[in-house]
Structure formats: structure tokens, C-alpha cells
Amino acid sequence: MLRLTRTAIHTDRVLLKAEGSLVGEWVGLLEEECAELCGPERQVVLDLGDVSYLDRRAVRLLRDLQAGCLSIVNCPPLIEELLREDAP
């Protein structure tokens, strides 16, 4: 299960807090949420501090999003390592 909570920091920046596991259908939910929030005039800050697990699809999505308008904060060390590893 995944819970996403939006908090506006400024008009040009939104904090999105993720809680739970980022797997399966929940990866699609995060992708849709980021597609809605991201834009040329807005940055999304994703807080992963309460994410306990993510699958390969989630790792790929987070890498792709980081190349765009998304930045990650409060990333647990294991998830940070997964995001840094070479893509399979």
C-alpha cells in the first residue's frame, strides 16, 4: 500500500510525501501524480523517508523522474543505493 500526501511549499514547488511500499500498481499511482504535478514552472520534491520497499519498476521511474522536475529528500540509505546503482 502507498499513501501520497501533497503539501504546497510555494506556488512553484510541491512537496509530495510517500509512505508505504512503492510496488506494482502503486508505481503507476506515483507516476500519474508526478505527471499531474510536474511542469515547466513547478518542481516536485518527493519525500521518501517513510517508504519501506520499492520494486525495480519504481527504481526506474524514480531515476527517470529525477532527470526531470523531481528531486528526492529523506531517502533511506538502501533506497539511495538502489537509485545510484547501474540500471539492469
PDB file of N, CA and C in Angstrom:
ATOM      1  N   MET A   1       0.835  -1.180   0.000  1.00  0.00           N
ATOM      2  CA  MET A   1       0.000   0.000   0.000  1.00  0.00           C
ATOM      3  C   MET A   1       0.878   1.241   0.000  1.00  0.00           C
ATOM      4  N   LEU A   2       0.407   2.271  -0.671  1.00  0.00           N
ATOM      5  CA  LEU A   2       1.144   3.526  -0.756  1.00  0.00           C
ATOM      6  C   LEU A   2       0.207   4.674  -0.441  1.00  0.00           C
ATOM      7  N   ARG A   3       0.703   5.594   0.349  1.00  0.00           N
ATOM      8  CA  ARG A   3      -0.051   6.813   0.655  1.00  0.00           C
ATOM      9  C   ARG A   3       0.769   7.997   0.171  1.00  0.00           C
ATOM     10  N   LEU A   4       0.127   8.890  -0.593  1.00  0.00           N
ATOM     11  CA  LEU A   4       0.778  10.095  -1.097  1.00  0.00           C
ATOM     12  C   LEU A   4       0.060  11.310  -0.527  1.00  0.00           C
ATOM     13  N   THR A   5       0.830  12.243   0.031  1.00  0.00           N
ATOM     14  CA  THR A   5       0.273  13.461   0.602  1.00  0.00           C
ATOM     15  C   THR A   5       0.959  14.657  -0.031  1.00  0.00           C
ATOM     16  N   ARG A   6       0.162  15.563  -0.596  1.00  0.00           N
ATOM     17  CA  ARG A   6       0.681  16.790  -1.223  1.00  0.00           C
ATOM     18  C   ARG A   6       0.698  17.929  -0.211  1.00  0.00           C
ATOM     19  N   THR A   7       1.773  18.710  -0.259  1.00  0.00           N
ATOM     20  CA  THR A   7       1.863  19.934   0.529  1.00  0.00           C
ATOM     21  C   THR A   7       2.510  20.993  -0.352  1.00  0.00           C
ATOM     22  N   ALA A   8       1.832  22.098  -0.547  1.00  0.00           N
ATOM     23  CA  ALA A   8       2.407  23.184  -1.342  1.00  0.00           C
ATOM     24  C   ALA A   8       3.426  23.928  -0.506  1.00  0.00           C
ATOM     25  N   ILE A   9       4.644  24.028  -0.996  1.00  0.00           N
ATOM     26  CA  ILE A   9       5.692  24.786  -0.327  1.00  0.00           C
ATOM     27  C   ILE A   9       5.624  26.220  -0.829  1.00  0.00           C
ATOM     28  N   HIS A  10       5.598  26.378  -2.122  1.00  0.00           N
ATOM     29  CA  HIS A  10       5.452  27.651  -2.824  1.00  0.00           C
ATOM     30  C   HIS A  10       4.604  27.361  -4.055  1.00  0.00           C
ATOM     31  N   THR A  11       4.241  28.368  -4.779  1.00  0.00           N
ATOM     32  CA  THR A  11       3.462  28.135  -5.994  1.00  0.00           C
ATOM     33  C   THR A  11       4.262  27.375  -7.046  1.00  0.00           C
ATOM     34  N   ASP A  12       5.589  27.451  -6.967  1.00  0.00           N
ATOM     35  CA  ASP A  12       6.425  26.776  -7.956  1.00  0.00           C
ATOM     36  C   ASP A  12       7.040  25.476  -7.435  1.00  0.00           C
ATOM     37  N   ARG A  13       6.642  25.050  -6.231  1.00  0.00           N
ATOM     38  CA  ARG A  13       7.219  23.834  -5.651  1.00  0.00           C
ATOM     39  C   ARG A  13       6.191  23.115  -4.777  1.00  0.00           C
ATOM     40  N   VAL A  14       6.100  21.801  -4.953  1.00  0.00           N
ATOM     41  CA  VAL A  14       5.161  20.983  -4.191  1.00  0.00           C
ATOM     42  C   VAL A  14       5.930  19.854  -3.510  1.00  0.00           C
ATOM     43  N   LEU A  15       5.631  19.631  -2.237  1.00  0.00           N
ATOM     44  CA  LEU A  15       6.208  18.502  -1.506  1.00  0.00           C
ATOM     45  C   LEU A  15       5.215  17.360  -1.593  1.00  0.00           C
ATOM     46  N   LEU A  16       5.697  16.203  -2.019  1.00  0.00           N
ATOM     47  CA  LEU A  16       4.884  15.001  -2.107  1.00  0.00           C
ATOM     48  C   LEU A  16       5.505  13.973  -1.165  1.00  0.00           C
ATOM     49  N   LYS A  17       4.783  13.616  -0.109  1.00  0.00           N
ATOM     50  CA  LYS A  17       5.293  12.655   0.872  1.00  0.00           C
ATOM     51  C   LYS A  17       4.726  11.283   0.552  1.00  0.00           C
ATOM     52  N   ALA A  18       5.619  10.306   0.401  1.00  0.00           N
ATOM     53  CA  ALA A  18       5.225   8.929   0.127  1.00  0.00           C
ATOM     54  C   ALA A  18       5.412   8.093   1.393  1.00  0.00           C
ATOM     55  N   GLU A  19       4.433   7.247   1.673  1.00  0.00           N
ATOM     56  CA  GLU A  19       4.501   6.369   2.834  1.00  0.00           C
ATOM     57  C   GLU A  19       4.060   4.967   2.421  1.00  0.00           C
ATOM     58  N   GLY A  20       4.835   3.965   2.798  1.00  0.00           N
ATOM     59  CA  GLY A  20       4.477   2.579   2.499  1.00  0.00           C
ATOM     60  C   GLY A  20       5.426   1.951   1.508  1.00  0.00           C
ATOM     61  N   SER A  21       4.869   1.070   0.666  1.00  0.00           N
ATOM     62  CA  SER A  21       5.653   0.344  -0.333  1.00  0.00           C
ATOM     63  C   SER A  21       5.339   0.874  -1.721  1.00  0.00           C
ATOM     64  N   LEU A  22       6.383   1.053  -2.489  1.00  0.00           N
ATOM     65  CA  LEU A  22       6.243   1.552  -3.853  1.00  0.00           C
ATOM     66  C   LEU A  22       6.459   0.377  -4.803  1.00  0.00           C
ATOM     67  N   VAL A  23       5.384  -0.385  -5.013  1.00  0.00           N
ATOM     68  CA  VAL A  23       5.435  -1.602  -5.831  1.00  0.00           C
ATOM     69  C   VAL A  23       4.164  -1.721  -6.658  1.00  0.00           C
ATOM     70  N   GLY A  24       4.255  -2.510  -7.732  1.00  0.00           N
ATOM     71  CA  GLY A  24       3.083  -2.848  -8.533  1.00  0.00           C
ATOM     72  C   GLY A  24       2.278  -1.647  -8.973  1.00  0.00           C
ATOM     73  N   GLU A  25       0.967  -1.707  -8.722  1.00  0.00           N
ATOM     74  CA  GLU A  25       0.053  -0.655  -9.169  1.00  0.00           C
ATOM     75  C   GLU A  25       0.347   0.690  -8.519  1.00  0.00           C
ATOM     76  N   TRP A  26       1.009   0.687  -7.379  1.00  0.00           N
ATOM     77  CA  TRP A  26       1.306   1.935  -6.668  1.00  0.00           C
ATOM     78  C   TRP A  26       2.362   2.756  -7.397  1.00  0.00           C
ATOM     79  N   VAL A  27       3.191   2.090  -8.188  1.00  0.00           N
ATOM     80  CA  VAL A  27       4.177   2.805  -9.001  1.00  0.00           C
ATOM     81  C   VAL A  27       3.438   3.661 -10.031  1.00  0.00           C
ATOM     82  N   GLY A  28       2.402   3.094 -10.626  1.00  0.00           N
ATOM     83  CA  GLY A  28       1.587   3.833 -11.582  1.00  0.00           C
ATOM     84  C   GLY A  28       0.904   5.031 -10.942  1.00  0.00           C
ATOM     85  N   LEU A  29       0.464   4.864  -9.702  1.00  0.00           N
ATOM     86  CA  LEU A  29      -0.160   5.972  -8.978  1.00  0.00           C
ATOM     87  C   LEU A  29       0.826   7.125  -8.788  1.00  0.00           C
ATOM     88  N   LEU A  30       2.047   6.805  -8.384  1.00  0.00           N
ATOM     89  CA  LEU A  30       3.071   7.835  -8.220  1.00  0.00           C
ATOM     90  C   LEU A  30       3.378   8.504  -9.553  1.00  0.00           C
ATOM     91  N   GLU A  31       3.462   7.719 -10.605  1.00  0.00           N
ATOM     92  CA  GLU A  31       3.748   8.261 -11.936  1.00  0.00           C
ATOM     93  C   GLU A  31       2.650   9.242 -12.367  1.00  0.00           C
ATOM     94  N   GLU A  32       1.394   8.877 -12.155  1.00  0.00           N
ATOM     95  CA  GLU A  32       0.275   9.753 -12.506  1.00  0.00           C
ATOM     96  C   GLU A  32       0.301  11.040 -11.686  1.00  0.00           C
ATOM     97  N   GLU A  33       0.573  10.903 -10.396  1.00  0.00           N
ATOM     98  CA  GLU A  33       0.609  12.064  -9.511  1.00  0.00           C
ATOM     99  C   GLU A  33       1.713  13.031  -9.945  1.00  0.00           C
ATOM    100  N   CYS A  34       2.885  12.497 -10.249  1.00  0.00           N
ATOM    101  CA  CYS A  34       4.001  13.347 -10.678  1.00  0.00           C
ATOM    102  C   CYS A  34       3.735  13.974 -12.036  1.00  0.00           C
ATOM    103  N   ALA A  35       3.095  13.234 -12.945  1.00  0.00           N
ATOM    104  CA  ALA A  35       2.758  13.786 -14.258  1.00  0.00           C
ATOM    105  C   ALA A  35       1.812  14.970 -14.107  1.00  0.00           C
ATOM    106  N   GLU A  36       0.894  14.864 -13.153  1.00  0.00           N
ATOM    107  CA  GLU A  36      -0.052  15.952 -12.907  1.00  0.00           C
ATOM    108  C   GLU A  36       0.631  17.167 -12.278  1.00  0.00           C
ATOM    109  N   LEU A  37       1.581  16.914 -11.385  1.00  0.00           N
ATOM    110  CA  LEU A  37       2.211  17.999 -10.634  1.00  0.00           C
ATOM    111  C   LEU A  37       3.374  18.658 -11.359  1.00  0.00           C
ATOM    112  N   CYS A  38       4.144  17.878 -12.101  1.00  0.00           N
ATOM    113  CA  CYS A  38       5.338  18.404 -12.763  1.00  0.00           C
ATOM    114  C   CYS A  38       4.969  19.312 -13.920  1.00  0.00           C
ATOM    115  N   GLY A  39       5.778  20.303 -14.105  1.00  0.00           N
ATOM    116  CA  GLY A  39       5.572  21.202 -15.218  1.00  0.00           C
ATOM    117  C   GLY A  39       6.757  22.131 -15.355  1.00  0.00           C
ATOM    118  N   PRO A  40       6.771  22.918 -16.407  1.00  0.00           N
ATOM    119  CA  PRO A  40       7.914  23.811 -16.632  1.00  0.00           C
ATOM    120  C   PRO A  40       8.071  24.863 -15.536  1.00  0.00           C
ATOM    121  N   GLU A  41       6.986  25.174 -14.854  1.00  0.00           N
ATOM    122  CA  GLU A  41       7.031  26.212 -13.816  1.00  0.00           C
ATOM    123  C   GLU A  41       6.927  25.648 -12.400  1.00  0.00           C
ATOM    124  N   ARG A  42       6.966  24.309 -12.260  1.00  0.00           N
ATOM    125  CA  ARG A  42       6.799  23.716 -10.940  1.00  0.00           C
ATOM    126  C   ARG A  42       7.731  22.522 -10.738  1.00  0.00           C
ATOM    127  N   GLN A  43       8.339  22.470  -9.575  1.00  0.00           N
ATOM    128  CA  GLN A  43       9.193  21.353  -9.198  1.00  0.00           C
ATOM    129  C   GLN A  43       8.485  20.538  -8.118  1.00  0.00           C
ATOM    130  N   VAL A  44       8.683  19.229  -8.176  1.00  0.00           N
ATOM    131  CA  VAL A  44       8.124  18.333  -7.179  1.00  0.00           C
ATOM    132  C   VAL A  44       9.275  17.813  -6.316  1.00  0.00           C
ATOM    133  N   VAL A  45       9.088  17.912  -5.000  1.00  0.00           N
ATOM    134  CA  VAL A  45      10.044  17.374  -4.040  1.00  0.00           C
ATOM    135  C   VAL A  45       9.386  16.142  -3.430  1.00  0.00           C
ATOM    136  N   LEU A  46       9.989  14.979  -3.636  1.00  0.00           N
ATOM    137  CA  LEU A  46       9.434  13.720  -3.156  1.00  0.00           C
ATOM    138  C   LEU A  46      10.155  13.290  -1.891  1.00  0.00           C
ATOM    139  N   ASP A  47       9.406  13.162  -0.806  1.00  0.00           N
ATOM    140  CA  ASP A  47       9.941  12.731   0.486  1.00  0.00           C
ATOM    141  C   ASP A  47       9.747  11.223   0.601  1.00  0.00           C
ATOM    142  N   LEU A  48      10.859  10.484   0.599  1.00  0.00           N
ATOM    143  CA  LEU A  48      10.814   9.021   0.670  1.00  0.00           C
ATOM    144  C   LEU A  48      11.143   8.491   2.069  1.00  0.00           C
ATOM    145  N   GLY A  49      11.141   9.357   3.069  1.00  0.00           N
ATOM    146  CA  GLY A  49      11.523   8.960   4.427  1.00  0.00           C
ATOM    147  C   GLY A  49      10.717   7.826   5.020  1.00  0.00           C
ATOM    148  N   ASP A  50       9.467   7.665   4.588  1.00  0.00           N
ATOM    149  CA  ASP A  50       8.613   6.615   5.137  1.00  0.00           C
ATOM    150  C   ASP A  50       8.291   5.520   4.125  1.00  0.00           C
ATOM    151  N   VAL A  51       9.127   5.391   3.097  1.00  0.00           N
ATOM    152  CA  VAL A  51       8.957   4.308   2.126  1.00  0.00           C
ATOM    153  C   VAL A  51       9.799   3.130   2.590  1.00  0.00           C
ATOM    154  N   SER A  52       9.151   1.971   2.726  1.00  0.00           N
ATOM    155  CA  SER A  52       9.832   0.795   3.265  1.00  0.00           C
ATOM    156  C   SER A  52      10.389  -0.130   2.189  1.00  0.00           C
ATOM    157  N   TYR A  53       9.833  -0.069   0.977  1.00  0.00           N
ATOM    158  CA  TYR A  53      10.264  -1.001  -0.062  1.00  0.00           C
ATOM    159  C   TYR A  53       9.885  -0.438  -1.425  1.00  0.00           C
ATOM    160  N   LEU A  54      10.702  -0.717  -2.435  1.00  0.00           N
ATOM    161  CA  LEU A  54      10.331  -0.409  -3.806  1.00  0.00           C
ATOM    162  C   LEU A  54      10.842  -1.487  -4.737  1.00  0.00           C
ATOM    163  N   ASP A  55      10.099  -1.689  -5.826  1.00  0.00           N
ATOM    164  CA  ASP A  55      10.491  -2.715  -6.789  1.00  0.00           C
ATOM    165  C   ASP A  55      11.294  -2.088  -7.936  1.00  0.00           C
ATOM    166  N   ARG A  56      11.708  -2.923  -8.885  1.00  0.00           N
ATOM    167  CA  ARG A  56      12.554  -2.437  -9.993  1.00  0.00           C
ATOM    168  C   ARG A  56      11.864  -1.369 -10.828  1.00  0.00           C
ATOM    169  N   ARG A  57      10.570  -1.556 -11.042  1.00  0.00           N
ATOM    170  CA  ARG A  57       9.825  -0.562 -11.830  1.00  0.00           C
ATOM    171  C   ARG A  57       9.842   0.789 -11.121  1.00  0.00           C
ATOM    172  N   ALA A  58       9.723   0.771  -9.813  1.00  0.00           N
ATOM    173  CA  ALA A  58       9.761   2.019  -9.034  1.00  0.00           C
ATOM    174  C   ALA A  58      11.132   2.669  -9.126  1.00  0.00           C
ATOM    175  N   VAL A  59      12.175   1.863  -9.082  1.00  0.00           N
ATOM    176  CA  VAL A  59      13.540   2.405  -9.197  1.00  0.00           C
ATOM    177  C   VAL A  59      13.703   3.099 -10.547  1.00  0.00           C
ATOM    178  N   ARG A  60      13.254   2.445 -11.623  1.00  0.00           N
ATOM    179  CA  ARG A  60      13.350   3.051 -12.965  1.00  0.00           C
ATOM    180  C   ARG A  60      12.554   4.348 -13.035  1.00  0.00           C
ATOM    181  N   LEU A  61      11.348   4.338 -12.476  1.00  0.00           N
ATOM    182  CA  LEU A  61      10.518   5.539 -12.501  1.00  0.00           C
ATOM    183  C   LEU A  61      11.194   6.678 -11.750  1.00  0.00           C
ATOM    184  N   LEU A  62      11.713   6.405 -10.570  1.00  0.00           N
ATOM    185  CA  LEU A  62      12.360   7.457  -9.781  1.00  0.00           C
ATOM    186  C   LEU A  62      13.583   8.013 -10.491  1.00  0.00           C
ATOM    187  N   ARG A  63      14.350   7.150 -11.131  1.00  0.00           N
ATOM    188  CA  ARG A  63      15.500   7.625 -11.902  1.00  0.00           C
ATOM    189  C   ARG A  63      15.056   8.545 -13.035  1.00  0.00           C
ATOM    190  N   ASP A  64      14.011   8.138 -13.750  1.00  0.00           N
ATOM    191  CA  ASP A  64      13.500   8.953 -14.861  1.00  0.00           C
ATOM    192  C   ASP A  64      12.984  10.294 -14.361  1.00  0.00           C
ATOM    193  N   LEU A  65      12.227  10.260 -13.267  1.00  0.00           N
ATOM    194  CA  LEU A  65      11.659  11.490 -12.726  1.00  0.00           C
ATOM    195  C   LEU A  65      12.740  12.447 -12.214  1.00  0.00           C
ATOM    196  N   GLN A  66      13.808  11.890 -11.650  1.00  0.00           N
ATOM    197  CA  GLN A  66      14.906  12.732 -11.164  1.00  0.00           C
ATOM    198  C   GLN A  66      15.588  13.474 -12.306  1.00  0.00           C
ATOM    199  N   ALA A  67      15.530  12.918 -13.495  1.00  0.00           N
ATOM    200  CA  ALA A  67      16.122  13.581 -14.660  1.00  0.00           C
ATOM    201  C   ALA A  67      15.255  14.746 -15.125  1.00  0.00           C
ATOM    202  N   GLY A  68      14.038  14.827 -14.595  1.00  0.00           N
ATOM    203  CA  GLY A  68      13.115  15.901 -14.971  1.00  0.00           C
ATOM    204  C   GLY A  68      12.923  16.882 -13.836  1.00  0.00           C
ATOM    205  N   CYS A  69      11.679  17.025 -13.402  1.00  0.00           N
ATOM    206  CA  CYS A  69      11.329  18.077 -12.434  1.00  0.00           C
ATOM    207  C   CYS A  69      11.275  17.576 -10.998  1.00  0.00           C
ATOM    208  N   LEU A  70      11.721  16.350 -10.735  1.00  0.00           N
ATOM    209  CA  LEU A  70      11.593  15.775  -9.398  1.00  0.00           C
ATOM    210  C   LEU A  70      12.926  15.753  -8.662  1.00  0.00           C
ATOM    211  N   SER A  71      12.873  16.127  -7.392  1.00  0.00           N
ATOM    212  CA  SER A  71      14.033  15.921  -6.521  1.00  0.00           C
ATOM    213  C   SER A  71      13.568  15.094  -5.330  1.00  0.00           C
ATOM    214  N   ILE A  72      14.475  14.326  -4.765  1.00  0.00           N
ATOM    215  CA  ILE A  72      14.146  13.412  -3.670  1.00  0.00           C
ATOM    216  C   ILE A  72      14.818  13.884  -2.395  1.00  0.00           C
ATOM    217  N   VAL A  73      14.059  13.835  -1.290  1.00  0.00           N
ATOM    218  CA  VAL A  73      14.598  14.169   0.023  1.00  0.00           C
ATOM    219  C   VAL A  73      14.287  13.028   0.995  1.00  0.00           C
ATOM    220  N   ASN A  74      15.015  12.996   2.104  1.00  0.00           N
ATOM    221  CA  ASN A  74      14.820  11.987   3.162  1.00  0.00           C
ATOM    222  C   ASN A  74      14.841  10.560   2.619  1.00  0.00           C
ATOM    223  N   CYS A  75      15.756  10.309   1.724  1.00  0.00           N
ATOM    224  CA  CYS A  75      15.855   8.997   1.093  1.00  0.00           C
ATOM    225  C   CYS A  75      16.616   8.033   2.010  1.00  0.00           C
ATOM    226  N   PRO A  76      15.983   6.909   2.396  1.00  0.00           N
ATOM    227  CA  PRO A  76      16.683   5.922   3.209  1.00  0.00           C
ATOM    228  C   PRO A  76      17.934   5.414   2.472  1.00  0.00           C
ATOM    229  N   PRO A  77      18.980   5.080   3.209  1.00  0.00           N
ATOM    230  CA  PRO A  77      20.248   4.668   2.585  1.00  0.00           C
ATOM    231  C   PRO A  77      20.114   3.526   1.575  1.00  0.00           C
ATOM    232  N   LEU A  78      19.310   2.519   1.862  1.00  0.00           N
ATOM    233  CA  LEU A  78      19.174   1.395   0.940  1.00  0.00           C
ATOM    234  C   LEU A  78      18.526   1.832  -0.371  1.00  0.00           C
ATOM    235  N   ILE A  79      17.507   2.670  -0.286  1.00  0.00           N
ATOM    236  CA  ILE A  79      16.851   3.170  -1.498  1.00  0.00           C
ATOM    237  C   ILE A  79      17.790   4.078  -2.263  1.00  0.00           C
ATOM    238  N   GLU A  80      18.533   4.897  -1.557  1.00  0.00           N
ATOM    239  CA  GLU A  80      19.509   5.765  -2.216  1.00  0.00           C
ATOM    240  C   GLU A  80      20.529   4.956  -2.992  1.00  0.00           C
ATOM    241  N   GLU A  81      20.966   3.848  -2.405  1.00  0.00           N
ATOM    242  CA  GLU A  81      21.926   2.978  -3.079  1.00  0.00           C
ATOM    243  C   GLU A  81      21.309   2.349  -4.332  1.00  0.00           C
ATOM    244  N   LEU A  82      20.054   1.927  -4.254  1.00  0.00           N
ATOM    245  CA  LEU A  82      19.373   1.349  -5.417  1.00  0.00           C
ATOM    246  C   LEU A  82      19.267   2.362  -6.548  1.00  0.00           C
ATOM    247  N   LEU A  83      19.020   3.609  -6.206  1.00  0.00           N
ATOM    248  CA  LEU A  83      18.887   4.649  -7.223  1.00  0.00           C
ATOM    249  C   LEU A  83      20.229   4.993  -7.874  1.00  0.00           C
ATOM    250  N   ARG A  84      21.321   4.749  -7.153  1.00  0.00           N
ATOM    251  CA  ARG A  84      22.650   5.046  -7.695  1.00  0.00           C
ATOM    252  C   ARG A  84      23.222   3.913  -8.517  1.00  0.00           C
ATOM    253  N   GLU A  85      22.771   2.680  -8.281  1.00  0.00           N
ATOM    254  CA  GLU A  85      23.312   1.521  -8.985  1.00  0.00           C
ATOM    255  C   GLU A  85      23.060   1.628 -10.488  1.00  0.00           C
ATOM    256  N   ASP A  86      23.892   0.931 -11.256  1.00  0.00           N
ATOM    257  CA  ASP A  86      23.684   0.883 -12.709  1.00  0.00           C
ATOM    258  C   ASP A  86      22.379   0.191 -13.011  1.00  0.00           C
ATOM    259  N   ALA A  87      21.654   0.706 -13.977  1.00  0.00           N
ATOM    260  CA  ALA A  87      20.379   0.110 -14.383  1.00  0.00           C
ATOM    261  C   ALA A  87      20.629  -1.249 -15.009  1.00  0.00           C
ATOM    262  N   PRO A  88      19.771  -2.237 -14.708  1.00  0.00           N
ATOM    263  CA  PRO A  88      19.954  -3.597 -15.273  1.00  0.00           C
ATOM    264  C   PRO A  88      19.669  -3.660 -16.751  1.00  0.00           C
TER     265      PRO A  88
END
